[in-house]
Amino acid sequence: MVTPEQLKNWIESGFDGAQVAVEGDGHHFEASIVAAEFEGKSRIQRHQLVYAALGDKMKAEVHALSMKTLTPAEVL
């Protein structure tokens, strides 16, 4: 079973300097991700970047993931 910490590490590995927080029960997760790479991207494009970072893990190991994706400027 996937832990929130594992999922956090997987997401962080796909983004340079991202701030990631993940909560979940091993099947359903909620993630807050702050990354400069999201600048100028739509919400769908941001989610696609996260899915790309997770790769096949999203298909096999993570059942459901809801995300809040923000740029550093949007946090302020």
PDB file of N, CA and C in Angstrom:
ATOM      1  N   MET A   1       0.841  -1.178   0.000  1.00  0.00           N
ATOM      2  CA  MET A   1       0.000   0.000   0.000  1.00  0.00           C
ATOM      3  C   MET A   1       0.890   1.246   0.000  1.00  0.00           C
ATOM      4  N   VAL A   2       0.498   2.230  -0.777  1.00  0.00           N
ATOM      5  CA  VAL A   2       1.247   3.475  -0.894  1.00  0.00           C
ATOM      6  C   VAL A   2       0.966   4.361   0.319  1.00  0.00           C
ATOM      7  N   THR A   3       2.017   4.972   0.846  1.00  0.00           N
ATOM      8  CA  THR A   3       1.851   5.900   1.958  1.00  0.00           C
ATOM      9  C   THR A   3       1.842   7.336   1.420  1.00  0.00           C
ATOM     10  N   PRO A   4       1.254   8.265   2.171  1.00  0.00           N
ATOM     11  CA  PRO A   4       1.304   9.672   1.745  1.00  0.00           C
ATOM     12  C   PRO A   4       2.747  10.157   1.558  1.00  0.00           C
ATOM     13  N   GLU A   5       3.664   9.693   2.393  1.00  0.00           N
ATOM     14  CA  GLU A   5       5.068  10.105   2.281  1.00  0.00           C
ATOM     15  C   GLU A   5       5.691   9.618   0.969  1.00  0.00           C
ATOM     16  N   GLN A   6       5.369   8.391   0.571  1.00  0.00           N
ATOM     17  CA  GLN A   6       5.872   7.878  -0.713  1.00  0.00           C
ATOM     18  C   GLN A   6       5.360   8.721  -1.870  1.00  0.00           C
ATOM     19  N   LEU A   7       4.064   9.000  -1.848  1.00  0.00           N
ATOM     20  CA  LEU A   7       3.473   9.794  -2.918  1.00  0.00           C
ATOM     21  C   LEU A   7       4.086  11.191  -2.949  1.00  0.00           C
ATOM     22  N   LYS A   8       4.303  11.776  -1.808  1.00  0.00           N
ATOM     23  CA  LYS A   8       4.953  13.087  -1.700  1.00  0.00           C
ATOM     24  C   LYS A   8       6.329  13.041  -2.359  1.00  0.00           C
ATOM     25  N   ASN A   9       7.106  12.032  -2.053  1.00  0.00           N
ATOM     26  CA  ASN A   9       8.452  11.889  -2.627  1.00  0.00           C
ATOM     27  C   ASN A   9       8.398  11.712  -4.141  1.00  0.00           C
ATOM     28  N   TRP A  10       7.449  10.934  -4.631  1.00  0.00           N
ATOM     29  CA  TRP A  10       7.326  10.713  -6.073  1.00  0.00           C
ATOM     30  C   TRP A  10       7.003  12.027  -6.787  1.00  0.00           C
ATOM     31  N   ILE A  11       6.082  12.801  -6.219  1.00  0.00           N
ATOM     32  CA  ILE A  11       5.717  14.081  -6.838  1.00  0.00           C
ATOM     33  C   ILE A  11       6.913  15.030  -6.795  1.00  0.00           C
ATOM     34  N   GLU A  12       7.568  15.126  -5.646  1.00  0.00           N
ATOM     35  CA  GLU A  12       8.724  16.024  -5.508  1.00  0.00           C
ATOM     36  C   GLU A  12       9.826  15.683  -6.501  1.00  0.00           C
ATOM     37  N   SER A  13       9.987  14.413  -6.815  1.00  0.00           N
ATOM     38  CA  SER A  13      11.058  14.013  -7.739  1.00  0.00           C
ATOM     39  C   SER A  13      10.814  14.542  -9.148  1.00  0.00           C
ATOM     40  N   GLY A  14       9.582  14.914  -9.461  1.00  0.00           N
ATOM     41  CA  GLY A  14       9.262  15.415 -10.786  1.00  0.00           C
ATOM     42  C   GLY A  14       9.321  16.926 -10.924  1.00  0.00           C
ATOM     43  N   PHE A  15       9.578  17.620  -9.812  1.00  0.00           N
ATOM     44  CA  PHE A  15       9.582  19.078  -9.819  1.00  0.00           C
ATOM     45  C   PHE A  15      10.777  19.595  -9.034  1.00  0.00           C
ATOM     46  N   ASP A  16      11.416  20.620  -9.568  1.00  0.00           N
ATOM     47  CA  ASP A  16      12.579  21.204  -8.922  1.00  0.00           C
ATOM     48  C   ASP A  16      12.139  22.191  -7.842  1.00  0.00           C
ATOM     49  N   GLY A  17      12.360  21.851  -6.586  1.00  0.00           N
ATOM     50  CA  GLY A  17      12.059  22.757  -5.484  1.00  0.00           C
ATOM     51  C   GLY A  17      10.595  22.905  -5.142  1.00  0.00           C
ATOM     52  N   ALA A  18       9.771  21.958  -5.501  1.00  0.00           N
ATOM     53  CA  ALA A  18       8.336  22.037  -5.202  1.00  0.00           C
ATOM     54  C   ALA A  18       8.082  21.841  -3.712  1.00  0.00           C
ATOM     55  N   GLN A  19       7.031  22.475  -3.248  1.00  0.00           N
ATOM     56  CA  GLN A  19       6.545  22.247  -1.887  1.00  0.00           C
ATOM     57  C   GLN A  19       5.317  21.347  -2.018  1.00  0.00           C
ATOM     58  N   VAL A  20       5.376  20.186  -1.392  1.00  0.00           N
ATOM     59  CA  VAL A  20       4.319  19.191  -1.557  1.00  0.00           C
ATOM     60  C   VAL A  20       3.838  18.723  -0.193  1.00  0.00           C
ATOM     61  N   ALA A  21       2.522  18.671  -0.036  1.00  0.00           N
ATOM     62  CA  ALA A  21       1.907  18.092   1.163  1.00  0.00           C
ATOM     63  C   ALA A  21       0.871  17.084   0.688  1.00  0.00           C
ATOM     64  N   VAL A  22       0.889  15.888   1.277  1.00  0.00           N
ATOM     65  CA  VAL A  22      -0.020  14.822   0.861  1.00  0.00           C
ATOM     66  C   VAL A  22      -0.671  14.200   2.085  1.00  0.00           C
ATOM     67  N   GLU A  23      -1.962  13.981   1.994  1.00  0.00           N
ATOM     68  CA  GLU A  23      -2.710  13.234   3.004  1.00  0.00           C
ATOM     69  C   GLU A  23      -3.467  12.138   2.287  1.00  0.00           C
ATOM     70  N   GLY A  24      -3.715  11.033   2.987  1.00  0.00           N
ATOM     71  CA  GLY A  24      -4.472   9.963   2.359  1.00  0.00           C
ATOM     72  C   GLY A  24      -4.477   8.694   3.172  1.00  0.00           C
ATOM     73  N   ASP A  25      -5.256   7.728   2.675  1.00  0.00           N
ATOM     74  CA  ASP A  25      -5.460   6.475   3.394  1.00  0.00           C
ATOM     75  C   ASP A  25      -4.817   5.270   2.705  1.00  0.00           C
ATOM     76  N   GLY A  26      -3.969   5.515   1.716  1.00  0.00           N
ATOM     77  CA  GLY A  26      -3.340   4.414   0.994  1.00  0.00           C
ATOM     78  C   GLY A  26      -3.964   4.154  -0.358  1.00  0.00           C
ATOM     79  N   HIS A  27      -5.187   4.648  -0.561  1.00  0.00           N
ATOM     80  CA  HIS A  27      -5.867   4.485  -1.845  1.00  0.00           C
ATOM     81  C   HIS A  27      -6.326   5.831  -2.404  1.00  0.00           C
ATOM     82  N   HIS A  28      -6.861   6.669  -1.542  1.00  0.00           N
ATOM     83  CA  HIS A  28      -7.343   7.996  -1.931  1.00  0.00           C
ATOM     84  C   HIS A  28      -6.444   9.046  -1.282  1.00  0.00           C
ATOM     85  N   PHE A  29      -5.986   9.991  -2.100  1.00  0.00           N
ATOM     86  CA  PHE A  29      -5.041  10.988  -1.609  1.00  0.00           C
ATOM     87  C   PHE A  29      -5.469  12.395  -1.997  1.00  0.00           C
ATOM     88  N   GLU A  30      -5.037  13.356  -1.186  1.00  0.00           N
ATOM     89  CA  GLU A  30      -5.191  14.777  -1.479  1.00  0.00           C
ATOM     90  C   GLU A  30      -3.806  15.391  -1.404  1.00  0.00           C
ATOM     91  N   ALA A  31      -3.433  16.121  -2.451  1.00  0.00           N
ATOM     92  CA  ALA A  31      -2.105  16.731  -2.499  1.00  0.00           C
ATOM     93  C   ALA A  31      -2.212  18.225  -2.762  1.00  0.00           C
ATOM     94  N   SER A  32      -1.384  18.978  -2.065  1.00  0.00           N
ATOM     95  CA  SER A  32      -1.191  20.399  -2.347  1.00  0.00           C
ATOM     96  C   SER A  32       0.224  20.537  -2.881  1.00  0.00           C
ATOM     97  N   ILE A  33       0.342  21.106  -4.069  1.00  0.00           N
ATOM     98  CA  ILE A  33       1.641  21.185  -4.737  1.00  0.00           C
ATOM     99  C   ILE A  33       1.879  22.629  -5.180  1.00  0.00           C
ATOM    100  N   VAL A  34       2.993  23.174  -4.729  1.00  0.00           N
ATOM    101  CA  VAL A  34       3.391  24.526  -5.124  1.00  0.00           C
ATOM    102  C   VAL A  34       4.679  24.382  -5.921  1.00  0.00           C
ATOM    103  N   ALA A  35       4.623  24.775  -7.200  1.00  0.00           N
ATOM    104  CA  ALA A  35       5.786  24.603  -8.079  1.00  0.00           C
ATOM    105  C   ALA A  35       5.857  25.732  -9.097  1.00  0.00           C
ATOM    106  N   ALA A  36       7.054  26.212  -9.340  1.00  0.00           N
ATOM    107  CA  ALA A  36       7.272  27.262 -10.332  1.00  0.00           C
ATOM    108  C   ALA A  36       6.900  26.786 -11.735  1.00  0.00           C
ATOM    109  N   GLU A  37       7.002  25.486 -11.984  1.00  0.00           N
ATOM    110  CA  GLU A  37       6.676  24.930 -13.308  1.00  0.00           C
ATOM    111  C   GLU A  37       5.213  25.148 -13.692  1.00  0.00           C
ATOM    112  N   PHE A  38       4.360  25.459 -12.733  1.00  0.00           N
ATOM    113  CA  PHE A  38       2.945  25.668 -13.016  1.00  0.00           C
ATOM    114  C   PHE A  38       2.655  27.058 -13.585  1.00  0.00           C
ATOM    115  N   GLU A  39       3.622  27.945 -13.521  1.00  0.00           N
ATOM    116  CA  GLU A  39       3.435  29.324 -14.004  1.00  0.00           C
ATOM    117  C   GLU A  39       2.981  29.321 -15.462  1.00  0.00           C
ATOM    118  N   GLY A  40       1.889  30.041 -15.737  1.00  0.00           N
ATOM    119  CA  GLY A  40       1.372  30.162 -17.090  1.00  0.00           C
ATOM    120  C   GLY A  40       0.606  28.959 -17.597  1.00  0.00           C
ATOM    121  N   LYS A  41       0.378  27.959 -16.749  1.00  0.00           N
ATOM    122  CA  LYS A  41      -0.316  26.728 -17.148  1.00  0.00           C
ATOM    123  C   LYS A  41      -1.755  26.743 -16.613  1.00  0.00           C
ATOM    124  N   SER A  42      -2.655  26.129 -17.362  1.00  0.00           N
ATOM    125  CA  SER A  42      -4.032  25.948 -16.898  1.00  0.00           C
ATOM    126  C   SER A  42      -4.055  24.868 -15.816  1.00  0.00           C
ATOM    127  N   ARG A  43      -5.180  24.771 -15.126  1.00  0.00           N
ATOM    128  CA  ARG A  43      -5.307  23.738 -14.092  1.00  0.00           C
ATOM    129  C   ARG A  43      -5.115  22.347 -14.693  1.00  0.00           C
ATOM    130  N   ILE A  44      -5.680  22.113 -15.859  1.00  0.00           N
ATOM    131  CA  ILE A  44      -5.536  20.805 -16.518  1.00  0.00           C
ATOM    132  C   ILE A  44      -4.073  20.541 -16.854  1.00  0.00           C
ATOM    133  N   GLN A  45      -3.378  21.529 -17.398  1.00  0.00           N
ATOM    134  CA  GLN A  45      -1.961  21.350 -17.726  1.00  0.00           C
ATOM    135  C   GLN A  45      -1.138  21.080 -16.476  1.00  0.00           C
ATOM    136  N   ARG A  46      -1.469  21.734 -15.387  1.00  0.00           N
ATOM    137  CA  ARG A  46      -0.760  21.507 -14.119  1.00  0.00           C
ATOM    138  C   ARG A  46      -0.953  20.076 -13.648  1.00  0.00           C
ATOM    139  N   HIS A  47      -2.192  19.597 -13.721  1.00  0.00           N
ATOM    140  CA  HIS A  47      -2.470  18.221 -13.309  1.00  0.00           C
ATOM    141  C   HIS A  47      -1.753  17.229 -14.218  1.00  0.00           C
ATOM    142  N   GLN A  48      -1.685  17.543 -15.503  1.00  0.00           N
ATOM    143  CA  GLN A  48      -0.973  16.663 -16.436  1.00  0.00           C
ATOM    144  C   GLN A  48       0.509  16.575 -16.077  1.00  0.00           C
ATOM    145  N   LEU A  49       1.092  17.679 -15.629  1.00  0.00           N
ATOM    146  CA  LEU A  49       2.495  17.652 -15.197  1.00  0.00           C
ATOM    147  C   LEU A  49       2.682  16.733 -13.994  1.00  0.00           C
ATOM    148  N   VAL A  50       1.736  16.776 -13.071  1.00  0.00           N
ATOM    149  CA  VAL A  50       1.827  15.898 -11.897  1.00  0.00           C
ATOM    150  C   VAL A  50       1.669  14.440 -12.323  1.00  0.00           C
ATOM    151  N   TYR A  51       0.689  14.161 -13.178  1.00  0.00           N
ATOM    152  CA  TYR A  51       0.502  12.790 -13.660  1.00  0.00           C
ATOM    153  C   TYR A  51       1.751  12.290 -14.384  1.00  0.00           C
ATOM    154  N   ALA A  52       2.386  13.169 -15.149  1.00  0.00           N
ATOM    155  CA  ALA A  52       3.618  12.781 -15.847  1.00  0.00           C
ATOM    156  C   ALA A  52       4.723  12.453 -14.844  1.00  0.00           C
ATOM    157  N   ALA A  53       4.800  13.218 -13.762  1.00  0.00           N
ATOM    158  CA  ALA A  53       5.811  12.948 -12.732  1.00  0.00           C
ATOM    159  C   ALA A  53       5.571  11.591 -12.072  1.00  0.00           C
ATOM    160  N   LEU A  54       4.309  11.225 -11.924  1.00  0.00           N
ATOM    161  CA  LEU A  54       3.976   9.945 -11.290  1.00  0.00           C
ATOM    162  C   LEU A  54       4.097   8.771 -12.251  1.00  0.00           C
ATOM    163  N   GLY A  55       3.940   9.026 -13.537  1.00  0.00           N
ATOM    164  CA  GLY A  55       4.068   7.968 -14.531  1.00  0.00           C
ATOM    165  C   GLY A  55       3.108   6.819 -14.294  1.00  0.00           C
ATOM    166  N   ASP A  56       3.610   5.608 -14.419  1.00  0.00           N
ATOM    167  CA  ASP A  56       2.782   4.407 -14.277  1.00  0.00           C
ATOM    168  C   ASP A  56       2.273   4.190 -12.863  1.00  0.00           C
ATOM    169  N   LYS A  57       2.869   4.854 -11.888  1.00  0.00           N
ATOM    170  CA  LYS A  57       2.392   4.706 -10.508  1.00  0.00           C
ATOM    171  C   LYS A  57       0.945   5.167 -10.376  1.00  0.00           C
ATOM    172  N   MET A  58       0.567   6.149 -11.192  1.00  0.00           N
ATOM    173  CA  MET A  58      -0.804   6.647 -11.140  1.00  0.00           C
ATOM    174  C   MET A  58      -1.787   5.590 -11.607  1.00  0.00           C
ATOM    175  N   LYS A  59      -1.370   4.754 -12.531  1.00  0.00           N
ATOM    176  CA  LYS A  59      -2.254   3.715 -13.056  1.00  0.00           C
ATOM    177  C   LYS A  59      -2.346   2.514 -12.118  1.00  0.00           C
ATOM    178  N   ALA A  60      -1.234   2.180 -11.490  1.00  0.00           N
ATOM    179  CA  ALA A  60      -1.180   0.921 -10.744  1.00  0.00           C
ATOM    180  C   ALA A  60      -1.289   1.090  -9.233  1.00  0.00           C
ATOM    181  N   GLU A  61      -0.632   2.103  -8.672  1.00  0.00           N
ATOM    182  CA  GLU A  61      -0.490   2.158  -7.232  1.00  0.00           C
ATOM    183  C   GLU A  61      -1.363   3.201  -6.533  1.00  0.00           C
ATOM    184  N   VAL A  62      -1.809   4.207  -7.271  1.00  0.00           N
ATOM    185  CA  VAL A  62      -2.612   5.270  -6.678  1.00  0.00           C
ATOM    186  C   VAL A  62      -4.007   5.190  -7.283  1.00  0.00           C
ATOM    187  N   HIS A  63      -4.991   4.955  -6.436  1.00  0.00           N
ATOM    188  CA  HIS A  63      -6.364   4.792  -6.929  1.00  0.00           C
ATOM    189  C   HIS A  63      -6.995   6.141  -7.267  1.00  0.00           C
ATOM    190  N   ALA A  64      -6.861   7.123  -6.380  1.00  0.00           N
ATOM    191  CA  ALA A  64      -7.480   8.434  -6.605  1.00  0.00           C
ATOM    192  C   ALA A  64      -6.602   9.518  -6.004  1.00  0.00           C
ATOM    193  N   LEU A  65      -6.467  10.615  -6.751  1.00  0.00           N
ATOM    194  CA  LEU A  65      -5.643  11.728  -6.297  1.00  0.00           C
ATOM    195  C   LEU A  65      -6.344  13.032  -6.639  1.00  0.00           C
ATOM    196  N   SER A  66      -6.685  13.799  -5.603  1.00  0.00           N
ATOM    197  CA  SER A  66      -7.183  15.150  -5.851  1.00  0.00           C
ATOM    198  C   SER A  66      -6.042  16.100  -5.550  1.00  0.00           C
ATOM    199  N   MET A  67      -5.974  17.186  -6.334  1.00  0.00           N
ATOM    200  CA  MET A  67      -4.813  18.071  -6.230  1.00  0.00           C
ATOM    201  C   MET A  67      -5.219  19.528  -6.174  1.00  0.00           C
ATOM    202  N   LYS A  68      -4.432  20.275  -5.420  1.00  0.00           N
ATOM    203  CA  LYS A  68      -4.418  21.724  -5.480  1.00  0.00           C
ATOM    204  C   LYS A  68      -3.044  22.069  -6.017  1.00  0.00           C
ATOM    205  N   THR A  69      -2.990  22.704  -7.185  1.00  0.00           N
ATOM    206  CA  THR A  69      -1.726  23.024  -7.822  1.00  0.00           C
ATOM    207  C   THR A  69      -1.597  24.533  -7.925  1.00  0.00           C
ATOM    208  N   LEU A  70      -0.569  25.076  -7.303  1.00  0.00           N
ATOM    209  CA  LEU A  70      -0.362  26.516  -7.241  1.00  0.00           C
ATOM    210  C   LEU A  70       1.058  26.902  -7.620  1.00  0.00           C
ATOM    211  N   THR A  71       1.212  28.129  -8.107  1.00  0.00           N
ATOM    212  CA  THR A  71       2.542  28.679  -8.301  1.00  0.00           C
ATOM    213  C   THR A  71       2.960  29.350  -6.999  1.00  0.00           C
ATOM    214  N   PRO A  72       4.248  29.592  -6.790  1.00  0.00           N
ATOM    215  CA  PRO A  72       4.671  30.300  -5.581  1.00  0.00           C
ATOM    216  C   PRO A  72       3.978  31.659  -5.428  1.00  0.00           C
ATOM    217  N   ALA A  73       3.730  32.371  -6.514  1.00  0.00           N
ATOM    218  CA  ALA A  73       3.070  33.677  -6.450  1.00  0.00           C
ATOM    219  C   ALA A  73       1.621  33.562  -6.006  1.00  0.00           C
ATOM    220  N   GLU A  74       0.968  32.454  -6.308  1.00  0.00           N
ATOM    221  CA  GLU A  74      -0.433  32.261  -5.927  1.00  0.00           C
ATOM    222  C   GLU A  74      -0.593  31.957  -4.441  1.00  0.00           C
ATOM    223  N   VAL A  75       0.469  31.527  -3.802  1.00  0.00           N
ATOM    224  CA  VAL A  75       0.420  31.199  -2.381  1.00  0.00           C
ATOM    225  C   VAL A  75       0.407  32.473  -1.548  1.00  0.00           C
ATOM    226  N   LEU A  76       1.093  33.499  -2.027  1.00  0.00           N
ATOM    227  CA  LEU A  76       1.225  34.753  -1.276  1.00  0.00           C
ATOM    228  C   LEU A  76      -0.042  35.509  -1.205  1.00  0.00           C
TER     229      LEU A  76
END
